[in-house]
Amino acid sequence: MIDSDVPEPVQQDQVDVALAGLLAGWTGPPTPGGPSSREAALARLEVLFKLQTSVNQQITSAATEAATAGANYAQLGAACNITRQGARRRWPGLVFARTNPTEPEGTTMNAALARTYTVLLIEDDEADAMLIEEALLDKGGARAVNRAGDGVEALEHLRSADNTRPDLIVLDLNMPRMNGRELLAVLKNDPALSSIPIVVLTTSAAPDDVNGAYRGHANAYVTKPVQLDDFIRSVQSIDQFFLDTAINPNDSGATA
């Protein structure tokens, strides 16, 4: 049975025909080479620009409504015939933390799992940061992701009273100003921050980096896979264990 509430897909040629008819009604049919062809073209340009402005506003409104209802960047991109990354670049931060839309109504949940978990992503590579954030948000749990581009920015974020204490830190090693190794040492020697779980997520599989991270009391060390699907699965596995399976210090009261 077809759901009558779901509109039929609109084809691009239908839109083109409708728009041409609308323009003809407002500005008259085009008359190339005629004495008023310039004025007519300018009139059409003015109308088209105003239409574009209005359409862009409606697109943003519809994308926001879809994201609020649980759509992810892959779905937004498919609706606009662009990639997930394209949708992420067009509407940065639009897909925000949300509860799992697929959770059956009436399901009993642990109170700790029902709340929004906050992740601090410390990553200087824009492409990797985008993928990590999307993987965390697309998993379906209630997540809020904040990002810092290096250790200095991360410390400023963590030590600001205006910011929520993160439930998990995802840390790259190779960054400018203060790298991940230096930041790890600072965080694990700060009584106010040392209990926050820290997962190193980096391209390096060098034994010195792995051993150094664990000596510095990192909670886990994960190398970034080359394949996109493997990358996403690795990030979501980190999320699954540290935020869905393990007891978080912020839930147990062990915040110092």
Protein backbone atom coordinates (compact mmCIF):
# COMPACT_ATOMS: atom_id res chain seq x y z
CA MET A 1 0.00 0.00 0.00
CA ILE A 2 1.37 3.41 -0.96
CA ASP A 3 1.52 6.01 1.79
CA SER A 4 -0.46 8.97 0.47
CA ASP A 5 1.37 11.29 2.87
CA VAL A 6 4.68 10.76 1.02
CA PRO A 7 4.92 13.05 -2.04
CA GLU A 8 5.97 11.65 -5.38
CA PRO A 9 9.55 12.53 -6.41
CA VAL A 10 9.74 15.66 -8.56
CA GLN A 11 11.83 15.43 -11.73
CA GLN A 12 14.22 18.22 -12.69
CA ASP A 13 12.55 18.76 -16.08
CA GLN A 14 9.21 19.36 -14.32
CA VAL A 15 10.86 22.05 -12.21
CA ASP A 16 12.45 23.63 -15.31
CA VAL A 17 9.11 23.81 -17.14
CA ALA A 18 7.32 25.25 -14.12
CA LEU A 19 10.02 27.86 -13.62
CA ALA A 20 9.96 28.89 -17.29
CA GLY A 21 6.20 29.36 -17.10
CA LEU A 22 6.53 31.37 -13.90
CA LEU A 23 9.15 33.66 -15.43
CA ALA A 24 7.09 34.19 -18.57
CA GLY A 25 4.13 35.19 -16.43
CA TRP A 26 6.17 37.72 -14.46
CA THR A 27 8.44 39.20 -17.11
CA GLY A 28 6.92 38.17 -20.45
CA PRO A 29 8.48 35.70 -22.91
CA PRO A 30 12.12 36.31 -23.92
CA THR A 31 12.62 38.15 -27.19
CA PRO A 32 16.25 37.72 -28.27
CA GLY A 33 17.50 40.58 -30.37
CA GLY A 34 14.45 42.72 -29.74
CA PRO A 35 14.69 46.35 -28.67
CA SER A 36 13.91 45.46 -25.07
CA SER A 37 15.83 42.18 -24.87
CA ARG A 38 18.37 43.65 -22.43
CA GLU A 39 15.66 44.98 -20.13
CA ALA A 40 13.76 41.68 -20.30
CA ALA A 41 16.91 39.70 -19.52
CA LEU A 42 17.71 41.96 -16.57
CA ALA A 43 14.14 41.59 -15.32
CA ARG A 44 14.43 37.80 -15.50
CA LEU A 45 17.81 37.96 -13.74
CA GLU A 46 16.32 40.02 -10.93
CA VAL A 47 13.45 37.58 -10.49
CA LEU A 48 15.77 34.56 -10.62
CA PHE A 49 18.09 36.03 -8.01
CA LYS A 50 15.20 36.68 -5.65
CA LEU A 51 13.90 33.19 -6.30
CA GLN A 52 17.35 31.75 -5.58
CA THR A 53 17.56 33.63 -2.28
CA SER A 54 14.13 32.37 -1.26
CA VAL A 55 14.87 28.81 -2.39
CA ASN A 56 18.16 28.73 -0.47
CA GLN A 57 16.33 29.82 2.66
CA GLN A 58 13.75 27.08 2.12
CA ILE A 59 16.50 24.50 1.50
CA THR A 60 18.20 25.39 4.77
CA SER A 61 14.87 25.26 6.59
CA ALA A 62 14.03 21.83 5.13
CA ALA A 63 17.52 20.49 5.90
CA THR A 64 17.22 21.71 9.48
CA GLU A 65 13.80 20.10 9.83
CA ALA A 66 15.12 16.82 8.42
CA ALA A 67 18.16 16.84 10.74
CA THR A 68 15.96 17.61 13.73
CA ALA A 69 13.84 14.58 12.80
CA GLY A 70 16.94 12.38 12.79
CA ALA A 71 18.38 12.59 9.25
CA ASN A 72 22.15 12.28 8.96
CA TYR A 73 24.51 13.93 6.48
CA ALA A 74 24.40 10.96 4.09
CA GLN A 75 20.62 11.30 3.84
CA LEU A 76 20.73 15.09 3.45
CA GLY A 77 23.32 14.70 0.70
CA ALA A 78 21.26 12.07 -1.14
CA ALA A 79 18.21 14.36 -1.09
CA CYS A 80 20.27 17.12 -2.72
CA ASN A 81 22.23 14.85 -5.09
CA ILE A 82 25.52 15.68 -3.34
CA THR A 83 27.94 13.63 -1.24
CA ARG A 84 27.78 13.28 2.52
CA GLN A 85 30.92 15.43 2.76
CA GLY A 86 29.27 18.02 0.51
CA ALA A 87 26.26 18.17 2.82
CA ARG A 88 28.57 18.47 5.83
CA ARG A 89 30.41 21.39 4.22
CA ARG A 90 27.15 23.10 3.22
CA TRP A 91 25.55 22.77 6.66
CA PRO A 92 28.38 22.44 9.21
CA GLY A 93 27.07 21.51 12.64
CA LEU A 94 23.52 20.97 11.39
CA VAL A 95 23.43 17.29 12.32
CA PHE A 96 23.61 17.70 16.05
CA ALA A 97 23.50 15.32 18.99
CA ARG A 98 20.22 13.47 19.16
CA THR A 99 18.64 10.45 20.77
CA ASN A 100 18.50 7.29 18.71
CA PRO A 101 15.47 7.66 16.37
CA THR A 102 15.28 3.88 15.92
CA GLU A 103 14.88 3.14 19.63
CA PRO A 104 11.51 1.39 20.07
CA GLU A 105 8.96 3.39 21.97
CA GLY A 106 8.65 2.24 25.56
CA THR A 107 12.08 0.55 25.63
CA THR A 108 13.59 0.59 29.12
CA MET A 109 17.00 2.26 29.11
CA ASN A 110 19.65 2.85 31.72
CA ALA A 111 19.42 6.52 32.74
CA ALA A 112 23.12 7.00 32.06
CA LEU A 113 22.68 5.87 28.43
CA ALA A 114 19.75 8.22 27.87
CA ARG A 115 21.73 11.39 28.36
CA THR A 116 23.81 13.22 25.76
CA TYR A 117 27.48 12.29 25.86
CA THR A 118 30.05 14.95 25.00
CA VAL A 119 33.15 14.11 22.96
CA LEU A 120 36.14 16.42 22.61
CA LEU A 121 37.85 15.72 19.30
CA ILE A 122 41.43 17.03 19.14
CA GLU A 123 42.42 16.81 15.49
CA ASP A 124 44.12 19.26 13.13
CA ASP A 125 43.28 17.50 9.86
CA GLU A 126 40.01 18.91 8.51
CA ALA A 127 39.08 15.84 6.44
CA ASP A 128 39.75 13.40 9.27
CA ALA A 129 37.91 15.60 11.75
CA MET A 130 34.88 15.72 9.47
CA LEU A 131 34.83 11.93 9.09
CA ILE A 132 35.24 11.32 12.82
CA GLU A 133 32.48 13.75 13.71
CA GLU A 134 30.12 12.26 11.14
CA ALA A 135 30.86 8.72 12.33
CA LEU A 136 30.08 9.69 15.93
CA LEU A 137 26.86 11.48 15.06
CA ASP A 138 25.68 8.96 12.47
CA LYS A 139 25.96 6.11 14.97
CA GLY A 140 22.59 7.18 16.37
CA GLY A 141 23.33 7.78 20.06
CA ALA A 142 22.95 11.16 21.73
CA ARG A 143 26.32 12.80 21.09
CA ALA A 144 27.66 16.35 21.18
CA VAL A 145 31.03 16.76 19.48
CA ASN A 146 33.37 19.68 20.19
CA ARG A 147 36.62 20.10 18.31
CA ALA A 148 40.03 21.59 19.03
CA GLY A 149 42.76 21.88 16.40
CA ASP A 150 45.74 21.38 18.72
CA GLY A 151 46.74 20.85 22.34
CA VAL A 152 46.74 24.52 23.27
CA GLU A 153 43.20 25.01 22.02
CA ALA A 154 42.11 21.80 23.75
CA LEU A 155 43.49 22.95 27.13
CA GLU A 156 41.73 26.30 26.78
CA HIS A 157 38.48 24.45 26.09
CA LEU A 158 38.91 21.98 28.96
CA ARG A 159 39.85 24.62 31.52
CA SER A 160 37.04 27.02 30.63
CA ALA A 161 34.19 27.05 33.12
CA ASP A 162 31.81 27.77 30.22
CA ASN A 163 32.37 24.37 28.60
CA THR A 164 30.91 21.00 29.52
CA ARG A 165 33.40 18.45 30.83
CA PRO A 166 33.75 15.84 28.03
CA ASP A 167 32.91 12.20 28.56
CA LEU A 168 35.57 11.13 26.08
CA ILE A 169 38.62 12.69 24.42
CA VAL A 170 39.68 11.49 20.97
CA LEU A 171 43.27 12.62 20.46
CA ASP A 172 45.52 12.81 17.41
CA LEU A 173 49.28 12.74 18.03
CA ASN A 174 50.76 14.94 15.32
CA MET A 175 49.53 18.52 15.67
CA PRO A 176 51.03 22.03 15.72
CA ARG A 177 51.86 24.08 18.82
CA MET A 178 51.21 21.34 21.42
CA ASN A 179 51.09 17.82 20.00
CA GLY A 180 49.12 14.87 21.31
CA ARG A 181 52.00 13.39 23.31
CA GLU A 182 52.55 16.65 25.18
CA LEU A 183 48.85 17.17 25.80
CA LEU A 184 48.40 13.61 27.07
CA ALA A 185 51.10 14.20 29.68
CA VAL A 186 49.47 17.46 30.80
CA LEU A 187 45.98 15.96 31.06
CA LYS A 188 47.00 12.82 32.96
CA ASN A 189 48.93 14.93 35.48
CA ASP A 190 46.02 17.32 36.07
CA PRO A 191 43.85 16.03 38.95
CA ALA A 192 40.80 17.82 37.56
CA LEU A 193 41.10 16.22 34.11
CA SER A 194 43.04 12.98 34.55
CA SER A 195 39.97 10.73 34.85
CA ILE A 196 38.57 11.65 31.41
CA PRO A 197 39.05 8.64 29.10
CA ILE A 198 41.49 9.44 26.29
CA VAL A 199 41.68 7.42 23.08
CA VAL A 200 44.61 8.14 20.78
CA LEU A 201 43.44 7.95 17.16
CA THR A 202 46.34 8.49 14.80
CA THR A 203 48.02 7.34 11.59
CA SER A 204 51.14 6.17 13.40
CA ALA A 205 51.61 2.51 14.28
CA ALA A 206 55.21 3.05 15.40
CA PRO A 207 56.02 1.03 18.55
CA ASP A 208 57.54 4.10 20.22
CA ASP A 209 54.28 6.02 19.74
CA VAL A 210 52.11 3.11 20.92
CA ASN A 211 54.24 2.37 24.00
CA GLY A 212 54.66 6.06 24.77
CA ALA A 213 50.91 6.63 24.70
CA TYR A 214 50.24 3.75 27.10
CA ARG A 215 53.09 4.85 29.38
CA GLY A 216 51.38 8.22 29.39
CA HIS A 217 48.17 6.47 30.57
CA ALA A 218 46.13 6.72 27.38
CA ASN A 219 43.07 4.51 27.73
CA ALA A 220 43.37 3.09 24.22
CA TYR A 221 45.46 3.46 21.07
CA VAL A 222 43.82 3.07 17.64
CA THR A 223 45.43 3.57 14.23
CA LYS A 224 43.40 5.28 11.52
CA PRO A 225 42.40 2.76 8.82
CA VAL A 226 42.98 3.73 5.20
CA GLN A 227 39.61 2.49 3.90
CA LEU A 228 36.68 4.80 4.59
CA ASP A 229 34.29 2.10 5.85
CA ASP A 230 36.96 0.69 8.17
CA PHE A 231 37.69 4.21 9.44
CA ILE A 232 34.02 4.79 10.30
CA ARG A 233 33.71 1.37 11.98
CA SER A 234 36.80 2.05 14.10
CA VAL A 235 35.44 5.38 15.33
CA GLN A 236 32.04 3.90 16.09
CA SER A 237 33.69 1.01 17.95
CA ILE A 238 35.48 3.53 20.17
CA ASP A 239 32.16 5.23 20.83
CA GLN A 240 30.42 1.91 21.46
CA PHE A 241 32.88 0.77 24.13
CA PHE A 242 33.67 3.99 25.98
CA LEU A 243 30.21 5.60 25.90
CA ASP A 244 27.76 2.68 25.64
CA THR A 245 29.53 -0.21 27.39
CA ALA A 246 32.03 1.11 29.94
CA ILE A 247 30.91 3.10 32.99
CA ASN A 248 31.89 6.71 32.40
CA PRO A 249 33.59 8.73 35.16
CA ASN A 250 31.01 11.49 34.71
CA ASP A 251 28.27 8.97 35.51
CA SER A 252 30.06 7.44 38.49
CA GLY A 253 30.97 10.78 40.07
CA ALA A 254 34.72 10.17 39.63
CA THR A 255 35.48 13.56 38.10
CA ALA A 256 38.68 14.30 39.98
